[in-house]
């Protein structure tokens, strides 16, 4: 997301601050302990690999592992900020400043629910990664439409095709295309099913796309 630094070293430091400040205020802000533990564990792995890749001894596999874990960390922190910090009644603007996340206008102009369905397309650019590109069904370029905050994507690894979107149990959110779903080694070769819809900044949701599938490489 735009508030996350694009330079890797700065992102690692930003991530450290997000987790440290959130952990120090977890009781006051009613933050889930399990989510903070998950973020801290993955952050430490990314930080270790980032530091290793600054040395002459790193390998191609180290770089690949770092990129995959960093992609997963970005998605998890994006969801954490959105679900647990931005829409948290216990949060203050001072808290958001300490976390280095956006402070939005408290009385934004309301937007209607999106009336379009996202066009999505899956690629498998790396092992254990399914990349989902998205755009407005009427658009020529990949990306979200104007006045839409981002894309909600539900997914599930399953041996048989889901019949309804509500059967997809896991959620990711992205504000720019593409969205990378990163899986574990023992999940390679399995089929992942996914569907998506647009969402506004006021959490008004559009219609779901069809359910698509891809094989985890």
C-alpha atoms as a PDB file:
ATOM      1  CA  UNK A   1       0.000   0.000   0.000  1.00  0.00           C
ATOM      2  CA  UNK A   2       1.065   3.608  -0.521  1.00  0.00           C
ATOM      3  CA  UNK A   3       1.735   4.247   3.191  1.00  0.00           C
ATOM      4  CA  UNK A   4       4.217   1.351   3.301  1.00  0.00           C
ATOM      5  CA  UNK A   5       7.761   2.396   2.273  1.00  0.00           C
ATOM      6  CA  UNK A   6       8.791   1.064  -1.139  1.00  0.00           C
ATOM      7  CA  UNK A   7      12.473   0.663  -0.208  1.00  0.00           C
ATOM      8  CA  UNK A   8      12.995  -2.668   1.497  1.00  0.00           C
ATOM      9  CA  UNK A   9      15.192  -1.470   4.384  1.00  0.00           C
ATOM     10  CA  UNK A  10      12.678   1.277   5.192  1.00  0.00           C
ATOM     11  CA  UNK A  11       9.792  -1.200   4.951  1.00  0.00           C
ATOM     12  CA  UNK A  12      11.485  -3.562   7.436  1.00  0.00           C
ATOM     13  CA  UNK A  13      11.941  -0.655   9.874  1.00  0.00           C
ATOM     14  CA  UNK A  14       8.320   0.484   9.328  1.00  0.00           C
ATOM     15  CA  UNK A  15       7.090  -3.061   9.943  1.00  0.00           C
ATOM     16  CA  UNK A  16       9.128  -3.276  13.154  1.00  0.00           C
ATOM     17  CA  UNK A  17       7.558  -0.028  14.378  1.00  0.00           C
ATOM     18  CA  UNK A  18       4.021  -1.158  13.468  1.00  0.00           C
ATOM     19  CA  UNK A  19       4.355  -4.392  15.429  1.00  0.00           C
ATOM     20  CA  UNK A  20       6.189  -2.828  18.399  1.00  0.00           C
ATOM     21  CA  UNK A  21       3.715   0.038  18.855  1.00  0.00           C
ATOM     22  CA  UNK A  22       0.728  -2.266  18.335  1.00  0.00           C
ATOM     23  CA  UNK A  23       2.054  -4.778  20.866  1.00  0.00           C
ATOM     24  CA  UNK A  24       2.671  -2.047  23.455  1.00  0.00           C
ATOM     25  CA  UNK A  25      -0.946  -0.869  23.057  1.00  0.00           C
ATOM     26  CA  UNK A  26      -2.668  -4.206  22.403  1.00  0.00           C
ATOM     27  CA  UNK A  27      -4.818  -3.998  25.550  1.00  0.00           C
ATOM     28  CA  UNK A  28      -5.889  -0.378  25.078  1.00  0.00           C
ATOM     29  CA  UNK A  29      -6.642  -0.946  21.386  1.00  0.00           C
ATOM     30  CA  UNK A  30      -8.149  -4.448  21.828  1.00  0.00           C
ATOM     31  CA  UNK A  31      -5.742  -6.025  19.354  1.00  0.00           C
ATOM     32  CA  UNK A  32      -5.676  -9.815  18.801  1.00  0.00           C
ATOM     33  CA  UNK A  33      -2.632 -11.458  20.362  1.00  0.00           C
ATOM     34  CA  UNK A  34      -2.528 -14.257  17.778  1.00  0.00           C
ATOM     35  CA  UNK A  35      -2.361 -11.809  14.863  1.00  0.00           C
ATOM     36  CA  UNK A  36       0.458  -9.851  16.500  1.00  0.00           C
ATOM     37  CA  UNK A  37       2.396 -13.071  17.134  1.00  0.00           C
ATOM     38  CA  UNK A  38       1.909 -14.118  13.508  1.00  0.00           C
ATOM     39  CA  UNK A  39       3.147 -10.743  12.271  1.00  0.00           C
ATOM     40  CA  UNK A  40       6.146 -10.728  14.607  1.00  0.00           C
ATOM     41  CA  UNK A  41       7.221 -14.236  13.572  1.00  0.00           C
ATOM     42  CA  UNK A  42       7.013 -13.479   9.860  1.00  0.00           C
ATOM     43  CA  UNK A  43       8.626 -10.038  10.304  1.00  0.00           C
ATOM     44  CA  UNK A  44      11.616 -11.602  12.071  1.00  0.00           C
ATOM     45  CA  UNK A  45      12.033 -14.082   9.218  1.00  0.00           C
ATOM     46  CA  UNK A  46      11.904 -11.281   6.628  1.00  0.00           C
ATOM     47  CA  UNK A  47      14.351  -9.139   8.626  1.00  0.00           C
ATOM     48  CA  UNK A  48      16.830 -12.014   8.945  1.00  0.00           C
ATOM     49  CA  UNK A  49      16.648 -12.797   5.222  1.00  0.00           C
ATOM     50  CA  UNK A  50      16.888  -9.095   4.318  1.00  0.00           C
ATOM     51  CA  UNK A  51      20.083  -8.768   6.349  1.00  0.00           C
ATOM     52  CA  UNK A  52      21.471 -11.982   4.846  1.00  0.00           C
ATOM     53  CA  UNK A  53      20.806 -10.711   1.325  1.00  0.00           C
ATOM     54  CA  UNK A  54      22.899  -7.622   2.055  1.00  0.00           C
ATOM     55  CA  UNK A  55      25.962  -9.873   2.417  1.00  0.00           C
ATOM     56  CA  UNK A  56      28.057 -11.644  -0.204  1.00  0.00           C
ATOM     57  CA  UNK A  57      27.060 -15.079   1.103  1.00  0.00           C
ATOM     58  CA  UNK A  58      23.397 -15.050   0.138  1.00  0.00           C
ATOM     59  CA  UNK A  59      22.053 -17.471  -2.474  1.00  0.00           C
ATOM     60  CA  UNK A  60      19.318 -17.290  -5.086  1.00  0.00           C
ATOM     61  CA  UNK A  61      17.138 -19.411  -2.791  1.00  0.00           C
ATOM     62  CA  UNK A  62      17.673 -16.925   0.064  1.00  0.00           C
ATOM     63  CA  UNK A  63      16.527 -14.071  -2.177  1.00  0.00           C
ATOM     64  CA  UNK A  64      13.503 -16.047  -3.367  1.00  0.00           C
ATOM     65  CA  UNK A  65      12.510 -16.955   0.197  1.00  0.00           C
ATOM     66  CA  UNK A  66      12.890 -13.334   1.286  1.00  0.00           C
ATOM     67  CA  UNK A  67      10.700 -12.036  -1.537  1.00  0.00           C
ATOM     68  CA  UNK A  68       7.985 -14.610  -0.900  1.00  0.00           C
ATOM     69  CA  UNK A  69       7.901 -13.972   2.854  1.00  0.00           C
ATOM     70  CA  UNK A  70       8.006 -10.212   2.357  1.00  0.00           C
ATOM     71  CA  UNK A  71       5.022 -10.435  -0.006  1.00  0.00           C
ATOM     72  CA  UNK A  72       3.101 -12.436   2.557  1.00  0.00           C
ATOM     73  CA  UNK A  73       4.047  -9.980   5.338  1.00  0.00           C
ATOM     74  CA  UNK A  74       2.859  -6.994   3.295  1.00  0.00           C
ATOM     75  CA  UNK A  75      -0.527  -8.629   2.737  1.00  0.00           C
ATOM     76  CA  UNK A  76      -0.933  -9.645   6.377  1.00  0.00           C
ATOM     77  CA  UNK A  77       0.009  -6.187   7.641  1.00  0.00           C
ATOM     78  CA  UNK A  78      -2.318  -4.536   5.130  1.00  0.00           C
ATOM     79  CA  UNK A  79      -5.210  -6.678   6.397  1.00  0.00           C
ATOM     80  CA  UNK A  80      -4.192  -6.059  10.027  1.00  0.00           C
ATOM     81  CA  UNK A  81      -4.106  -2.275   9.566  1.00  0.00           C
ATOM     82  CA  UNK A  82      -7.427  -2.282   7.769  1.00  0.00           C
ATOM     83  CA  UNK A  83      -9.311  -4.654  10.089  1.00  0.00           C
ATOM     84  CA  UNK A  84      -7.768  -3.898  13.472  1.00  0.00           C
ATOM     85  CA  UNK A  85      -6.383  -0.351  13.377  1.00  0.00           C
ATOM     86  CA  UNK A  86      -8.107   1.923  10.872  1.00  0.00           C
ATOM     87  CA  UNK A  87     -11.638   0.788  11.793  1.00  0.00           C
ATOM     88  CA  UNK A  88     -10.928   0.652  15.536  1.00  0.00           C
ATOM     89  CA  UNK A  89     -13.018   2.942  17.770  1.00  0.00           C
ATOM     90  CA  UNK A  90     -10.312   2.783  20.460  1.00  0.00           C
ATOM     91  CA  UNK A  91      -7.712   4.279  18.117  1.00  0.00           C
ATOM     92  CA  UNK A  92      -6.793   7.977  18.108  1.00  0.00           C
ATOM     93  CA  UNK A  93      -5.075  10.114  15.494  1.00  0.00           C
ATOM     94  CA  UNK A  94      -1.999  10.188  17.741  1.00  0.00           C
ATOM     95  CA  UNK A  95      -1.987   6.408  17.708  1.00  0.00           C
ATOM     96  CA  UNK A  96      -2.193   6.346  13.924  1.00  0.00           C
ATOM     97  CA  UNK A  97       0.692   8.836  13.738  1.00  0.00           C
ATOM     98  CA  UNK A  98       2.793   6.583  15.980  1.00  0.00           C
ATOM     99  CA  UNK A  99       1.972   3.628  13.740  1.00  0.00           C
ATOM    100  CA  UNK A 100       2.705   5.667  10.589  1.00  0.00           C
ATOM    101  CA  UNK A 101      -0.595   4.775   8.973  1.00  0.00           C
ATOM    102  CA  UNK A 102      -3.004   7.190   7.238  1.00  0.00           C
ATOM    103  CA  UNK A 103      -5.380   9.449   9.123  1.00  0.00           C
ATOM    104  CA  UNK A 104      -8.570   9.647   7.109  1.00  0.00           C
ATOM    105  CA  UNK A 105     -11.197  12.364   7.133  1.00  0.00           C
ATOM    106  CA  UNK A 106     -13.732  11.427   9.809  1.00  0.00           C
ATOM    107  CA  UNK A 107     -16.608  12.634   7.627  1.00  0.00           C
ATOM    108  CA  UNK A 108     -15.806  11.450   4.114  1.00  0.00           C
ATOM    109  CA  UNK A 109     -18.216  11.899   1.251  1.00  0.00           C
ATOM    110  CA  UNK A 110     -20.219   8.652   1.098  1.00  0.00           C
ATOM    111  CA  UNK A 111     -19.797   6.565  -2.024  1.00  0.00           C
ATOM    112  CA  UNK A 112     -22.296   4.042  -3.353  1.00  0.00           C
ATOM    113  CA  UNK A 113     -21.514   0.357  -3.433  1.00  0.00           C
ATOM    114  CA  UNK A 114     -19.538  -0.577  -6.576  1.00  0.00           C
ATOM    115  CA  UNK A 115     -21.860  -1.646  -9.385  1.00  0.00           C
ATOM    116  CA  UNK A 116     -19.213  -3.506 -11.393  1.00  0.00           C
ATOM    117  CA  UNK A 117     -17.675  -6.956 -11.035  1.00  0.00           C
ATOM    118  CA  UNK A 118     -13.861  -7.261 -11.083  1.00  0.00           C
ATOM    119  CA  UNK A 119     -12.201  -9.100 -13.921  1.00  0.00           C
ATOM    120  CA  UNK A 120      -9.538 -11.361 -12.433  1.00  0.00           C
ATOM    121  CA  UNK A 121      -6.826 -13.490 -13.976  1.00  0.00           C
ATOM    122  CA  UNK A 122      -4.406 -15.884 -12.266  1.00  0.00           C
ATOM    123  CA  UNK A 123      -0.711 -16.382 -13.034  1.00  0.00           C
ATOM    124  CA  UNK A 124       1.881 -18.627 -11.379  1.00  0.00           C
ATOM    125  CA  UNK A 125       5.160 -16.657 -11.636  1.00  0.00           C
ATOM    126  CA  UNK A 126       7.016 -18.352  -8.773  1.00  0.00           C
ATOM    127  CA  UNK A 127       6.900 -21.603  -6.813  1.00  0.00           C
ATOM    128  CA  UNK A 128       4.161 -21.561  -4.141  1.00  0.00           C
ATOM    129  CA  UNK A 129       2.736 -18.289  -5.520  1.00  0.00           C
ATOM    130  CA  UNK A 130      -0.562 -17.673  -7.283  1.00  0.00           C
ATOM    131  CA  UNK A 131      -0.685 -14.099  -8.591  1.00  0.00           C
ATOM    132  CA  UNK A 132      -4.130 -12.597  -9.101  1.00  0.00           C
ATOM    133  CA  UNK A 133      -4.360  -9.629 -11.463  1.00  0.00           C
ATOM    134  CA  UNK A 134      -7.510  -7.535 -11.336  1.00  0.00           C
ATOM    135  CA  UNK A 135      -9.248  -4.659 -13.124  1.00  0.00           C
ATOM    136  CA  UNK A 136     -12.641  -3.220 -13.887  1.00  0.00           C
ATOM    137  CA  UNK A 137     -14.357  -5.449 -16.436  1.00  0.00           C
ATOM    138  CA  UNK A 138     -14.529  -2.435 -18.769  1.00  0.00           C
ATOM    139  CA  UNK A 139     -10.920  -1.298 -18.296  1.00  0.00           C
ATOM    140  CA  UNK A 140      -7.940  -1.758 -20.615  1.00  0.00           C
ATOM    141  CA  UNK A 141      -5.291  -1.827 -17.849  1.00  0.00           C
ATOM    142  CA  UNK A 142      -4.934  -3.886 -14.703  1.00  0.00           C
ATOM    143  CA  UNK A 143      -5.746  -2.056 -11.475  1.00  0.00           C
ATOM    144  CA  UNK A 144      -8.689  -0.908  -9.371  1.00  0.00           C
ATOM    145  CA  UNK A 145     -11.326   1.497 -10.701  1.00  0.00           C
ATOM    146  CA  UNK A 146     -11.539   5.098  -9.589  1.00  0.00           C
ATOM    147  CA  UNK A 147     -13.311   5.645  -6.226  1.00  0.00           C
ATOM    148  CA  UNK A 148     -12.820   2.002  -5.209  1.00  0.00           C
ATOM    149  CA  UNK A 149     -10.596   1.383  -2.184  1.00  0.00           C
ATOM    150  CA  UNK A 150      -9.523  -2.104  -3.146  1.00  0.00           C
ATOM    151  CA  UNK A 151     -10.292  -5.723  -3.878  1.00  0.00           C
ATOM    152  CA  UNK A 152     -11.515  -8.317  -1.387  1.00  0.00           C
ATOM    153  CA  UNK A 153     -10.484 -11.828  -2.382  1.00  0.00           C
ATOM    154  CA  UNK A 154     -11.782 -15.015  -0.760  1.00  0.00           C
ATOM    155  CA  UNK A 155      -9.932 -18.275  -1.367  1.00  0.00           C
ATOM    156  CA  UNK A 156      -9.773 -21.933  -0.350  1.00  0.00           C
ATOM    157  CA  UNK A 157      -7.616 -24.947  -1.130  1.00  0.00           C
ATOM    158  CA  UNK A 158     -10.030 -27.788  -1.818  1.00  0.00           C
ATOM    159  CA  UNK A 159     -10.240 -31.177  -3.467  1.00  0.00           C
ATOM    160  CA  UNK A 160     -13.583 -30.339  -5.026  1.00  0.00           C
ATOM    161  CA  UNK A 161     -14.974 -27.117  -6.529  1.00  0.00           C
ATOM    162  CA  UNK A 162     -16.920 -24.920  -4.089  1.00  0.00           C
ATOM    163  CA  UNK A 163     -20.516 -24.275  -5.135  1.00  0.00           C
ATOM    164  CA  UNK A 164     -20.964 -20.954  -3.311  1.00  0.00           C
ATOM    165  CA  UNK A 165     -18.636 -18.043  -2.554  1.00  0.00           C
ATOM    166  CA  UNK A 166     -19.360 -18.383   1.175  1.00  0.00           C
ATOM    167  CA  UNK A 167     -17.534 -21.733   1.106  1.00  0.00           C
ATOM    168  CA  UNK A 168     -14.269 -19.825   0.479  1.00  0.00           C
ATOM    169  CA  UNK A 169     -12.989 -19.443   4.050  1.00  0.00           C
ATOM    170  CA  UNK A 170      -9.855 -17.293   3.762  1.00  0.00           C
ATOM    171  CA  UNK A 171      -9.650 -13.589   2.974  1.00  0.00           C
ATOM    172  CA  UNK A 172      -7.075 -11.207   1.485  1.00  0.00           C
ATOM    173  CA  UNK A 173      -7.378  -7.528   0.565  1.00  0.00           C
ATOM    174  CA  UNK A 174      -5.372  -5.550  -1.978  1.00  0.00           C
ATOM    175  CA  UNK A 175      -5.424  -1.899  -3.009  1.00  0.00           C
ATOM    176  CA  UNK A 176      -3.358  -2.433  -6.139  1.00  0.00           C
ATOM    177  CA  UNK A 177      -2.934  -5.161  -8.715  1.00  0.00           C
ATOM    178  CA  UNK A 178      -1.620  -7.822  -8.539  1.00  0.00           C
ATOM    179  CA  UNK A 179      -2.431  -9.712  -5.342  1.00  0.00           C
ATOM    180  CA  UNK A 180      -0.002 -12.537  -4.519  1.00  0.00           C
ATOM    181  CA  UNK A 181      -1.291 -15.559  -2.599  1.00  0.00           C
ATOM    182  CA  UNK A 182       1.755 -17.313  -1.108  1.00  0.00           C
ATOM    183  CA  UNK A 183       1.465 -20.927   0.059  1.00  0.00           C
ATOM    184  CA  UNK A 184       3.510 -23.528   1.900  1.00  0.00           C
ATOM    185  CA  UNK A 185       5.753 -26.150   0.280  1.00  0.00           C
ATOM    186  CA  UNK A 186       3.390 -29.031   1.087  1.00  0.00           C
ATOM    187  CA  UNK A 187       0.531 -27.186  -0.671  1.00  0.00           C
ATOM    188  CA  UNK A 188       2.204 -27.273  -4.088  1.00  0.00           C
ATOM    189  CA  UNK A 189       0.189 -29.147  -6.705  1.00  0.00           C
ATOM    190  CA  UNK A 190      -3.115 -28.529  -4.927  1.00  0.00           C
ATOM    191  CA  UNK A 191      -5.942 -26.491  -6.424  1.00  0.00           C
ATOM    192  CA  UNK A 192      -6.901 -23.144  -4.930  1.00  0.00           C
ATOM    193  CA  UNK A 193     -10.300 -21.605  -5.647  1.00  0.00           C
ATOM    194  CA  UNK A 194     -10.935 -17.858  -5.384  1.00  0.00           C
ATOM    195  CA  UNK A 195     -13.468 -15.114  -6.044  1.00  0.00           C
ATOM    196  CA  UNK A 196     -13.271 -11.336  -5.660  1.00  0.00           C
ATOM    197  CA  UNK A 197     -15.321  -8.164  -5.317  1.00  0.00           C
ATOM    198  CA  UNK A 198     -14.675  -4.430  -5.097  1.00  0.00           C
ATOM    199  CA  UNK A 199     -14.927  -2.500  -1.837  1.00  0.00           C
ATOM    200  CA  UNK A 200     -15.120   1.243  -1.136  1.00  0.00           C
ATOM    201  CA  UNK A 201     -13.315   3.091   1.648  1.00  0.00           C
ATOM    202  CA  UNK A 202     -16.585   3.087   3.625  1.00  0.00           C
ATOM    203  CA  UNK A 203     -16.659  -0.731   3.347  1.00  0.00           C
ATOM    204  CA  UNK A 204     -19.493  -0.861   0.836  1.00  0.00           C
ATOM    205  CA  UNK A 205     -19.091  -3.995  -1.226  1.00  0.00           C
ATOM    206  CA  UNK A 206     -19.840  -4.872  -4.831  1.00  0.00           C
ATOM    207  CA  UNK A 207     -20.946  -8.156  -6.382  1.00  0.00           C
ATOM    208  CA  UNK A 208     -18.780 -11.263  -6.325  1.00  0.00           C
ATOM    209  CA  UNK A 209     -17.047 -12.505  -9.430  1.00  0.00           C
ATOM    210  CA  UNK A 210     -17.371 -16.093 -10.561  1.00  0.00           C
ATOM    211  CA  UNK A 211     -15.275 -18.649  -8.673  1.00  0.00           C
ATOM    212  CA  UNK A 212     -11.986 -19.335 -10.460  1.00  0.00           C
ATOM    213  CA  UNK A 213      -9.191 -21.818  -9.748  1.00  0.00           C
ATOM    214  CA  UNK A 214      -5.465 -22.329 -10.209  1.00  0.00           C
ATOM    215  CA  UNK A 215      -2.926 -25.030  -9.429  1.00  0.00           C
ATOM    216  CA  UNK A 216      -0.359 -23.964  -6.809  1.00  0.00           C
ATOM    217  CA  UNK A 217       3.042 -24.260  -8.545  1.00  0.00           C
END
